[in-house]
């Protein structure tokens, strides 16, 4: 396959030997199967901000730290330089998250190189060596679904123990590799300690997984791991092995109406997105 224009600088730098084929084209990025230093990997090419449509981006960026004060000031002012730096920051957030989570033992693709808006990372494959299927495309028995659910809940816990929340976790960004699920697509990863939206996003991530796997094991839909996990986190009692029940009794306080309305809005936007993407 002819090397696409966006991948040429990476190939010229010696990090891509050959582009095998296009893997997918999404709203946020295009992904290619490539050969890099003799190894089959995937190359994620981020799209320019004006061609992307990630919703409520500010919700995800709240609490992110920027090491360069000049860059931070420019980003806050919205200048041309600031917009460019904001784009770089958005892209590099996924790279930083992948390194951080891989180091914490979370099941994510191992990153290998990032420059020119291109991320090289492991290609997640199935037993036949083909690209691994998404969770949404896999049929399971009830027991398999229960096991998969427990594995993914533990991965979410490990992520939170490392200080991050996926923020957009669903059956569409979990791949089923040869040795289990692998979580992908992390440019919107949320800093748990510095983002007021963190508990809502954690709960939404886990709700998406339980609803998907609840197709095969309906009792999973009744679990409430998100609120239970967040309670442990805020109390300082969460670690990767913390016993969890999937049950949560909220304290007898006034209902947070704003939070409820926000969750309703999120559900409505997700339904609209799925319809526009032709998803069931």
C-alpha atoms as a PDB file:
ATOM      1  CA  UNK A   1       0.000   0.000   0.000  1.00  0.00           C
ATOM      2  CA  UNK A   2       1.205   3.497  -0.803  1.00  0.00           C
ATOM      3  CA  UNK A   3       2.266   5.376   2.334  1.00  0.00           C
ATOM      4  CA  UNK A   4      -0.380   8.012   3.195  1.00  0.00           C
ATOM      5  CA  UNK A   5       0.815  11.608   3.402  1.00  0.00           C
ATOM      6  CA  UNK A   6       0.394  11.861   7.194  1.00  0.00           C
ATOM      7  CA  UNK A   7       2.567   8.772   7.712  1.00  0.00           C
ATOM      8  CA  UNK A   8       5.431   9.834   5.434  1.00  0.00           C
ATOM      9  CA  UNK A   9       7.342  11.852   8.074  1.00  0.00           C
ATOM     10  CA  UNK A  10       7.259   8.859  10.420  1.00  0.00           C
ATOM     11  CA  UNK A  11       8.456   6.557   7.634  1.00  0.00           C
ATOM     12  CA  UNK A  12      11.213   9.021   6.742  1.00  0.00           C
ATOM     13  CA  UNK A  13      12.299   8.998  10.389  1.00  0.00           C
ATOM     14  CA  UNK A  14      12.722   5.227  10.090  1.00  0.00           C
ATOM     15  CA  UNK A  15       9.833   4.132  12.284  1.00  0.00           C
ATOM     16  CA  UNK A  16       7.608   2.655   9.574  1.00  0.00           C
ATOM     17  CA  UNK A  17       8.935   0.101   7.089  1.00  0.00           C
ATOM     18  CA  UNK A  18       5.668  -0.525   5.260  1.00  0.00           C
ATOM     19  CA  UNK A  19       1.978   0.336   5.443  1.00  0.00           C
ATOM     20  CA  UNK A  20       0.106  -2.955   5.199  1.00  0.00           C
ATOM     21  CA  UNK A  21      -3.463  -1.669   5.026  1.00  0.00           C
ATOM     22  CA  UNK A  22      -6.007   0.745   6.414  1.00  0.00           C
ATOM     23  CA  UNK A  23      -7.673  -0.609   9.541  1.00  0.00           C
ATOM     24  CA  UNK A  24     -10.363   1.946  10.309  1.00  0.00           C
ATOM     25  CA  UNK A  25     -11.370   5.569   9.853  1.00  0.00           C
ATOM     26  CA  UNK A  26     -13.115   7.299  12.730  1.00  0.00           C
ATOM     27  CA  UNK A  27     -14.156  10.781  13.760  1.00  0.00           C
ATOM     28  CA  UNK A  28     -11.045  11.266  15.881  1.00  0.00           C
ATOM     29  CA  UNK A  29      -8.380   9.368  13.967  1.00  0.00           C
ATOM     30  CA  UNK A  30      -7.468   7.006  11.143  1.00  0.00           C
ATOM     31  CA  UNK A  31      -5.730   3.740  12.016  1.00  0.00           C
ATOM     32  CA  UNK A  32      -3.386   1.716   9.799  1.00  0.00           C
ATOM     33  CA  UNK A  33      -1.708  -1.666  10.124  1.00  0.00           C
ATOM     34  CA  UNK A  34       2.018  -1.084   9.570  1.00  0.00           C
ATOM     35  CA  UNK A  35       5.324  -2.841   9.809  1.00  0.00           C
ATOM     36  CA  UNK A  36       7.679  -1.052  12.197  1.00  0.00           C
ATOM     37  CA  UNK A  37      11.236  -2.310  12.692  1.00  0.00           C
ATOM     38  CA  UNK A  38      10.110  -5.682  11.369  1.00  0.00           C
ATOM     39  CA  UNK A  39       7.127  -5.928  13.748  1.00  0.00           C
ATOM     40  CA  UNK A  40       3.452  -5.617  12.797  1.00  0.00           C
ATOM     41  CA  UNK A  41       1.932  -2.714  14.731  1.00  0.00           C
ATOM     42  CA  UNK A  42      -0.785  -0.133  14.263  1.00  0.00           C
ATOM     43  CA  UNK A  43      -0.387   3.557  13.525  1.00  0.00           C
ATOM     44  CA  UNK A  44      -3.032   5.944  14.824  1.00  0.00           C
ATOM     45  CA  UNK A  45      -3.167   9.179  12.844  1.00  0.00           C
ATOM     46  CA  UNK A  46      -5.008  11.920  14.726  1.00  0.00           C
ATOM     47  CA  UNK A  47      -7.289  14.128  12.694  1.00  0.00           C
ATOM     48  CA  UNK A  48      -7.062  17.910  12.784  1.00  0.00           C
ATOM     49  CA  UNK A  49      -9.302  19.560  15.358  1.00  0.00           C
ATOM     50  CA  UNK A  50     -11.538  21.176  12.767  1.00  0.00           C
ATOM     51  CA  UNK A  51     -12.430  17.757  11.329  1.00  0.00           C
ATOM     52  CA  UNK A  52     -13.153  16.171  14.700  1.00  0.00           C
ATOM     53  CA  UNK A  53     -16.298  16.365  16.772  1.00  0.00           C
ATOM     54  CA  UNK A  54     -15.500  15.021  20.220  1.00  0.00           C
ATOM     55  CA  UNK A  55     -18.270  16.378  22.424  1.00  0.00           C
ATOM     56  CA  UNK A  56     -17.830  18.369  25.627  1.00  0.00           C
ATOM     57  CA  UNK A  57     -14.051  18.335  25.334  1.00  0.00           C
ATOM     58  CA  UNK A  58     -13.641  20.807  28.199  1.00  0.00           C
ATOM     59  CA  UNK A  59     -15.240  18.301  30.594  1.00  0.00           C
ATOM     60  CA  UNK A  60     -12.388  15.884  29.928  1.00  0.00           C
ATOM     61  CA  UNK A  61      -9.562  18.430  30.002  1.00  0.00           C
ATOM     62  CA  UNK A  62     -10.492  19.840  33.407  1.00  0.00           C
ATOM     63  CA  UNK A  63      -7.712  19.152  35.871  1.00  0.00           C
ATOM     64  CA  UNK A  64      -5.024  18.292  33.318  1.00  0.00           C
ATOM     65  CA  UNK A  65      -1.647  19.719  34.237  1.00  0.00           C
ATOM     66  CA  UNK A  66       0.501  21.529  31.677  1.00  0.00           C
ATOM     67  CA  UNK A  67       4.216  21.601  32.487  1.00  0.00           C
ATOM     68  CA  UNK A  68       4.955  24.610  30.277  1.00  0.00           C
ATOM     69  CA  UNK A  69       3.412  27.785  31.735  1.00  0.00           C
ATOM     70  CA  UNK A  70       3.728  29.715  28.451  1.00  0.00           C
ATOM     71  CA  UNK A  71       1.854  26.929  26.673  1.00  0.00           C
ATOM     72  CA  UNK A  72      -0.838  26.904  29.351  1.00  0.00           C
ATOM     73  CA  UNK A  73      -1.367  30.666  29.076  1.00  0.00           C
ATOM     74  CA  UNK A  74      -1.580  30.512  25.292  1.00  0.00           C
ATOM     75  CA  UNK A  75      -4.080  27.654  25.450  1.00  0.00           C
ATOM     76  CA  UNK A  76      -6.271  29.607  27.850  1.00  0.00           C
ATOM     77  CA  UNK A  77      -6.242  32.669  25.542  1.00  0.00           C
ATOM     78  CA  UNK A  78      -7.195  30.649  22.457  1.00  0.00           C
ATOM     79  CA  UNK A  79      -4.520  32.207  20.230  1.00  0.00           C
ATOM     80  CA  UNK A  80      -3.359  30.476  17.055  1.00  0.00           C
ATOM     81  CA  UNK A  81      -0.314  29.198  18.909  1.00  0.00           C
ATOM     82  CA  UNK A  82      -2.537  28.243  21.832  1.00  0.00           C
ATOM     83  CA  UNK A  83      -4.904  26.245  19.633  1.00  0.00           C
ATOM     84  CA  UNK A  84      -1.945  24.397  18.113  1.00  0.00           C
ATOM     85  CA  UNK A  85      -0.556  23.632  21.555  1.00  0.00           C
ATOM     86  CA  UNK A  86      -3.980  22.523  22.768  1.00  0.00           C
ATOM     87  CA  UNK A  87      -4.164  20.094  19.862  1.00  0.00           C
ATOM     88  CA  UNK A  88      -0.739  18.680  20.697  1.00  0.00           C
ATOM     89  CA  UNK A  89      -1.758  18.399  24.347  1.00  0.00           C
ATOM     90  CA  UNK A  90      -4.972  16.539  23.427  1.00  0.00           C
ATOM     91  CA  UNK A  91      -3.071  14.045  21.292  1.00  0.00           C
ATOM     92  CA  UNK A  92      -0.208  13.511  23.720  1.00  0.00           C
ATOM     93  CA  UNK A  93      -2.711  12.901  26.544  1.00  0.00           C
ATOM     94  CA  UNK A  94      -3.418   9.477  25.068  1.00  0.00           C
ATOM     95  CA  UNK A  95       0.289   8.667  24.792  1.00  0.00           C
ATOM     96  CA  UNK A  96       0.890   9.737  28.400  1.00  0.00           C
ATOM     97  CA  UNK A  97      -2.119   7.728  29.563  1.00  0.00           C
ATOM     98  CA  UNK A  98      -0.975   4.606  27.710  1.00  0.00           C
ATOM     99  CA  UNK A  99       2.502   4.726  29.246  1.00  0.00           C
ATOM    100  CA  UNK A 100       1.060   5.450  32.690  1.00  0.00           C
ATOM    101  CA  UNK A 101      -1.521   2.668  32.521  1.00  0.00           C
ATOM    102  CA  UNK A 102       0.788   0.102  30.939  1.00  0.00           C
ATOM    103  CA  UNK A 103       3.199   0.788  33.784  1.00  0.00           C
ATOM    104  CA  UNK A 104       0.385   0.150  36.265  1.00  0.00           C
ATOM    105  CA  UNK A 105      -0.413  -3.211  34.684  1.00  0.00           C
ATOM    106  CA  UNK A 106      -3.627  -2.126  32.977  1.00  0.00           C
ATOM    107  CA  UNK A 107      -4.538  -4.016  29.813  1.00  0.00           C
ATOM    108  CA  UNK A 108      -3.859  -1.329  27.178  1.00  0.00           C
ATOM    109  CA  UNK A 109      -1.777  -1.375  23.964  1.00  0.00           C
ATOM    110  CA  UNK A 110       1.911  -0.712  24.556  1.00  0.00           C
ATOM    111  CA  UNK A 111       2.913   2.584  22.883  1.00  0.00           C
ATOM    112  CA  UNK A 112       6.235   2.724  21.005  1.00  0.00           C
ATOM    113  CA  UNK A 113       6.533   6.124  19.306  1.00  0.00           C
ATOM    114  CA  UNK A 114       4.671   9.409  18.976  1.00  0.00           C
ATOM    115  CA  UNK A 115       5.418  12.353  16.687  1.00  0.00           C
ATOM    116  CA  UNK A 116       3.906  14.260  13.764  1.00  0.00           C
ATOM    117  CA  UNK A 117       0.434  13.489  15.166  1.00  0.00           C
ATOM    118  CA  UNK A 118       1.030   9.745  14.733  1.00  0.00           C
ATOM    119  CA  UNK A 119       1.033   7.162  17.523  1.00  0.00           C
ATOM    120  CA  UNK A 120       2.686   3.778  16.946  1.00  0.00           C
ATOM    121  CA  UNK A 121       1.541   1.042  19.319  1.00  0.00           C
ATOM    122  CA  UNK A 122       0.957  -2.686  19.604  1.00  0.00           C
ATOM    123  CA  UNK A 123      -1.598  -4.244  17.294  1.00  0.00           C
ATOM    124  CA  UNK A 124      -4.072  -6.306  19.321  1.00  0.00           C
ATOM    125  CA  UNK A 125      -4.675  -9.596  17.505  1.00  0.00           C
ATOM    126  CA  UNK A 126      -6.844 -12.684  17.958  1.00  0.00           C
ATOM    127  CA  UNK A 127      -5.718 -16.327  18.012  1.00  0.00           C
ATOM    128  CA  UNK A 128      -5.462 -16.420  14.209  1.00  0.00           C
ATOM    129  CA  UNK A 129      -3.297 -13.316  14.078  1.00  0.00           C
ATOM    130  CA  UNK A 130      -6.077 -11.147  12.691  1.00  0.00           C
ATOM    131  CA  UNK A 131      -7.102  -7.835  14.236  1.00  0.00           C
ATOM    132  CA  UNK A 132      -8.954  -8.569  17.471  1.00  0.00           C
ATOM    133  CA  UNK A 133     -12.737  -8.072  17.456  1.00  0.00           C
ATOM    134  CA  UNK A 134     -14.450  -5.403  19.519  1.00  0.00           C
ATOM    135  CA  UNK A 135     -16.431  -6.436  22.571  1.00  0.00           C
ATOM    136  CA  UNK A 136     -19.655  -5.429  20.825  1.00  0.00           C
ATOM    137  CA  UNK A 137     -18.974  -7.987  18.065  1.00  0.00           C
ATOM    138  CA  UNK A 138     -18.431 -10.979  20.377  1.00  0.00           C
ATOM    139  CA  UNK A 139     -21.115 -13.457  21.477  1.00  0.00           C
ATOM    140  CA  UNK A 140     -20.724 -15.064  24.914  1.00  0.00           C
ATOM    141  CA  UNK A 141     -22.336 -17.479  27.306  1.00  0.00           C
ATOM    142  CA  UNK A 142     -23.670 -16.081  30.569  1.00  0.00           C
ATOM    143  CA  UNK A 143     -20.650 -17.419  32.473  1.00  0.00           C
ATOM    144  CA  UNK A 144     -18.224 -15.891  29.948  1.00  0.00           C
ATOM    145  CA  UNK A 145     -20.021 -12.541  30.230  1.00  0.00           C
ATOM    146  CA  UNK A 146     -19.816 -12.607  34.029  1.00  0.00           C
ATOM    147  CA  UNK A 147     -16.100 -13.386  33.884  1.00  0.00           C
ATOM    148  CA  UNK A 148     -15.482 -10.681  31.267  1.00  0.00           C
ATOM    149  CA  UNK A 149     -17.376  -8.184  33.401  1.00  0.00           C
ATOM    150  CA  UNK A 150     -15.255  -8.940  36.456  1.00  0.00           C
ATOM    151  CA  UNK A 151     -12.052  -8.605  34.430  1.00  0.00           C
ATOM    152  CA  UNK A 152     -13.091  -5.212  33.046  1.00  0.00           C
ATOM    153  CA  UNK A 153     -14.249  -3.928  36.434  1.00  0.00           C
ATOM    154  CA  UNK A 154     -10.805  -4.789  37.800  1.00  0.00           C
ATOM    155  CA  UNK A 155      -9.124  -2.999  34.904  1.00  0.00           C
ATOM    156  CA  UNK A 156     -11.184   0.107  35.635  1.00  0.00           C
ATOM    157  CA  UNK A 157     -10.137  -0.151  39.291  1.00  0.00           C
ATOM    158  CA  UNK A 158      -6.465  -0.416  38.300  1.00  0.00           C
ATOM    159  CA  UNK A 159      -6.886   2.632  36.078  1.00  0.00           C
ATOM    160  CA  UNK A 160      -8.391   4.617  38.931  1.00  0.00           C
ATOM    161  CA  UNK A 161      -5.626   3.491  41.295  1.00  0.00           C
ATOM    162  CA  UNK A 162      -3.221   4.919  38.704  1.00  0.00           C
ATOM    163  CA  UNK A 163      -5.139   8.206  38.843  1.00  0.00           C
ATOM    164  CA  UNK A 164      -7.082   7.966  35.580  1.00  0.00           C
ATOM    165  CA  UNK A 165     -10.604   7.301  34.310  1.00  0.00           C
ATOM    166  CA  UNK A 166     -11.154   6.289  30.683  1.00  0.00           C
ATOM    167  CA  UNK A 167     -14.035   8.746  30.266  1.00  0.00           C
ATOM    168  CA  UNK A 168     -15.564   7.159  27.179  1.00  0.00           C
ATOM    169  CA  UNK A 169     -15.394   3.423  27.860  1.00  0.00           C
ATOM    170  CA  UNK A 170     -17.846   1.242  25.960  1.00  0.00           C
ATOM    171  CA  UNK A 171     -18.132  -2.016  24.056  1.00  0.00           C
ATOM    172  CA  UNK A 172     -16.674  -0.204  21.043  1.00  0.00           C
ATOM    173  CA  UNK A 173     -13.258   0.490  22.571  1.00  0.00           C
ATOM    174  CA  UNK A 174     -12.556  -2.856  24.213  1.00  0.00           C
ATOM    175  CA  UNK A 175     -10.772  -5.383  21.977  1.00  0.00           C
ATOM    176  CA  UNK A 176     -10.827  -9.112  22.746  1.00  0.00           C
ATOM    177  CA  UNK A 177      -7.258 -10.314  22.218  1.00  0.00           C
ATOM    178  CA  UNK A 178      -5.818 -13.795  22.565  1.00  0.00           C
ATOM    179  CA  UNK A 179      -5.389 -13.459  26.325  1.00  0.00           C
ATOM    180  CA  UNK A 180      -8.386 -11.301  27.171  1.00  0.00           C
ATOM    181  CA  UNK A 181      -9.788  -7.776  26.816  1.00  0.00           C
ATOM    182  CA  UNK A 182      -7.626  -4.764  25.974  1.00  0.00           C
ATOM    183  CA  UNK A 183      -8.853  -1.191  26.513  1.00  0.00           C
ATOM    184  CA  UNK A 184      -8.161   1.298  23.713  1.00  0.00           C
ATOM    185  CA  UNK A 185      -8.869   4.939  22.728  1.00  0.00           C
ATOM    186  CA  UNK A 186      -7.720   7.147  25.598  1.00  0.00           C
ATOM    187  CA  UNK A 187      -7.250  10.740  24.326  1.00  0.00           C
ATOM    188  CA  UNK A 188     -10.057  11.851  26.639  1.00  0.00           C
ATOM    189  CA  UNK A 189      -8.657  10.092  29.747  1.00  0.00           C
ATOM    190  CA  UNK A 190      -9.731  12.004  32.865  1.00  0.00           C
ATOM    191  CA  UNK A 191      -7.542  12.925  35.828  1.00  0.00           C
ATOM    192  CA  UNK A 192      -9.553  11.476  38.703  1.00  0.00           C
ATOM    193  CA  UNK A 193      -8.213  13.807  41.398  1.00  0.00           C
ATOM    194  CA  UNK A 194      -8.627  17.091  39.541  1.00  0.00           C
ATOM    195  CA  UNK A 195     -11.831  16.766  37.545  1.00  0.00           C
ATOM    196  CA  UNK A 196     -15.264  17.473  39.003  1.00  0.00           C
ATOM    197  CA  UNK A 197     -16.805  15.244  36.331  1.00  0.00           C
ATOM    198  CA  UNK A 198     -14.714  12.224  37.355  1.00  0.00           C
ATOM    199  CA  UNK A 199     -17.292  10.316  39.447  1.00  0.00           C
ATOM    200  CA  UNK A 200     -19.975  10.743  36.794  1.00  0.00           C
ATOM    201  CA  UNK A 201     -17.650   9.558  34.042  1.00  0.00           C
ATOM    202  CA  UNK A 202     -16.480   6.552  36.070  1.00  0.00           C
ATOM    203  CA  UNK A 203     -20.075   5.554  36.648  1.00  0.00           C
ATOM    204  CA  UNK A 204     -20.920   6.032  32.981  1.00  0.00           C
ATOM    205  CA  UNK A 205     -17.944   3.902  31.888  1.00  0.00           C
ATOM    206  CA  UNK A 206     -19.027   1.001  34.074  1.00  0.00           C
ATOM    207  CA  UNK A 207     -22.687   1.384  33.128  1.00  0.00           C
ATOM    208  CA  UNK A 208     -21.770   1.041  29.443  1.00  0.00           C
ATOM    209  CA  UNK A 209     -19.905  -2.205  30.092  1.00  0.00           C
ATOM    210  CA  UNK A 210     -22.588  -3.741  32.282  1.00  0.00           C
ATOM    211  CA  UNK A 211     -25.306  -2.908  29.754  1.00  0.00           C
ATOM    212  CA  UNK A 212     -23.314  -4.536  26.961  1.00  0.00           C
ATOM    213  CA  UNK A 213     -22.512  -7.724  28.888  1.00  0.00           C
ATOM    214  CA  UNK A 214     -25.992  -7.706  30.419  1.00  0.00           C
ATOM    215  CA  UNK A 215     -27.239  -8.937  27.053  1.00  0.00           C
ATOM    216  CA  UNK A 216     -25.798 -12.326  27.987  1.00  0.00           C
ATOM    217  CA  UNK A 217     -26.090 -12.193  31.798  1.00  0.00           C
ATOM    218  CA  UNK A 218     -29.062  -9.911  32.623  1.00  0.00           C
ATOM    219  CA  UNK A 219     -28.294  -9.740  36.356  1.00  0.00           C
ATOM    220  CA  UNK A 220     -25.197  -7.646  35.567  1.00  0.00           C
ATOM    221  CA  UNK A 221     -27.470  -4.717  34.716  1.00  0.00           C
ATOM    222  CA  UNK A 222     -28.445  -4.434  38.382  1.00  0.00           C
ATOM    223  CA  UNK A 223     -24.888  -3.952  39.637  1.00  0.00           C
ATOM    224  CA  UNK A 224     -23.654  -0.580  40.916  1.00  0.00           C
ATOM    225  CA  UNK A 225     -19.890  -0.868  40.812  1.00  0.00           C
ATOM    226  CA  UNK A 226     -19.261   2.736  39.771  1.00  0.00           C
ATOM    227  CA  UNK A 227     -20.577   4.356  42.935  1.00  0.00           C
ATOM    228  CA  UNK A 228     -19.054   1.640  45.124  1.00  0.00           C
ATOM    229  CA  UNK A 229     -15.613   2.042  43.545  1.00  0.00           C
ATOM    230  CA  UNK A 230     -15.720   5.842  43.768  1.00  0.00           C
ATOM    231  CA  UNK A 231     -16.698   5.616  47.426  1.00  0.00           C
ATOM    232  CA  UNK A 232     -13.624   3.471  48.134  1.00  0.00           C
ATOM    233  CA  UNK A 233     -11.465   5.896  46.134  1.00  0.00           C
ATOM    234  CA  UNK A 234     -12.586   8.985  48.029  1.00  0.00           C
ATOM    235  CA  UNK A 235     -12.147   7.185  51.354  1.00  0.00           C
ATOM    236  CA  UNK A 236      -8.627   6.045  50.462  1.00  0.00           C
ATOM    237  CA  UNK A 237      -9.562   2.364  50.682  1.00  0.00           C
ATOM    238  CA  UNK A 238      -9.250   1.462  46.999  1.00  0.00           C
ATOM    239  CA  UNK A 239      -6.497  -0.764  45.646  1.00  0.00           C
ATOM    240  CA  UNK A 240      -6.431  -3.277  42.751  1.00  0.00           C
ATOM    241  CA  UNK A 241      -7.536  -6.085  45.084  1.00  0.00           C
ATOM    242  CA  UNK A 242     -10.225  -4.269  47.080  1.00  0.00           C
ATOM    243  CA  UNK A 243     -13.210  -6.637  47.555  1.00  0.00           C
ATOM    244  CA  UNK A 244     -16.238  -5.350  45.639  1.00  0.00           C
ATOM    245  CA  UNK A 245     -19.885  -6.381  45.786  1.00  0.00           C
ATOM    246  CA  UNK A 246     -21.491  -4.399  42.983  1.00  0.00           C
ATOM    247  CA  UNK A 247     -23.908  -2.954  45.529  1.00  0.00           C
ATOM    248  CA  UNK A 248     -24.055   0.567  46.887  1.00  0.00           C
ATOM    249  CA  UNK A 249     -26.353   2.271  49.358  1.00  0.00           C
ATOM    250  CA  UNK A 250     -26.075   6.051  49.035  1.00  0.00           C
ATOM    251  CA  UNK A 251     -26.046   8.201  52.162  1.00  0.00           C
ATOM    252  CA  UNK A 252     -29.367   9.744  53.097  1.00  0.00           C
ATOM    253  CA  UNK A 253     -28.725  13.212  51.693  1.00  0.00           C
ATOM    254  CA  UNK A 254     -30.485  15.512  49.271  1.00  0.00           C
ATOM    255  CA  UNK A 255     -30.514  14.414  45.641  1.00  0.00           C
ATOM    256  CA  UNK A 256     -28.042  16.230  43.392  1.00  0.00           C
ATOM    257  CA  UNK A 257     -30.555  17.364  40.764  1.00  0.00           C
ATOM    258  CA  UNK A 258     -27.862  18.910  38.546  1.00  0.00           C
ATOM    259  CA  UNK A 259     -25.942  15.638  38.431  1.00  0.00           C
ATOM    260  CA  UNK A 260     -29.102  13.695  37.570  1.00  0.00           C
ATOM    261  CA  UNK A 261     -29.943  16.100  34.752  1.00  0.00           C
ATOM    262  CA  UNK A 262     -26.361  15.861  33.448  1.00  0.00           C
ATOM    263  CA  UNK A 263     -26.616  12.052  33.321  1.00  0.00           C
ATOM    264  CA  UNK A 264     -29.893  12.348  31.403  1.00  0.00           C
ATOM    265  CA  UNK A 265     -28.229  14.728  28.923  1.00  0.00           C
ATOM    266  CA  UNK A 266     -25.294  12.308  28.531  1.00  0.00           C
ATOM    267  CA  UNK A 267     -27.659   9.422  27.811  1.00  0.00           C
ATOM    268  CA  UNK A 268     -29.572  11.512  25.261  1.00  0.00           C
ATOM    269  CA  UNK A 269     -26.366  12.575  23.482  1.00  0.00           C
ATOM    270  CA  UNK A 270     -25.091   9.001  23.417  1.00  0.00           C
ATOM    271  CA  UNK A 271     -28.362   7.807  21.857  1.00  0.00           C
ATOM    272  CA  UNK A 272     -28.140  10.546  19.195  1.00  0.00           C
ATOM    273  CA  UNK A 273     -24.503   9.635  18.467  1.00  0.00           C
ATOM    274  CA  UNK A 274     -25.332   5.957  18.061  1.00  0.00           C
ATOM    275  CA  UNK A 275     -28.176   6.721  15.677  1.00  0.00           C
ATOM    276  CA  UNK A 276     -25.999   9.033  13.607  1.00  0.00           C
ATOM    277  CA  UNK A 277     -23.292   6.339  13.424  1.00  0.00           C
ATOM    278  CA  UNK A 278     -25.829   3.709  12.408  1.00  0.00           C
ATOM    279  CA  UNK A 279     -25.298   1.743  15.624  1.00  0.00           C
ATOM    280  CA  UNK A 280     -28.128  -0.362  17.092  1.00  0.00           C
END
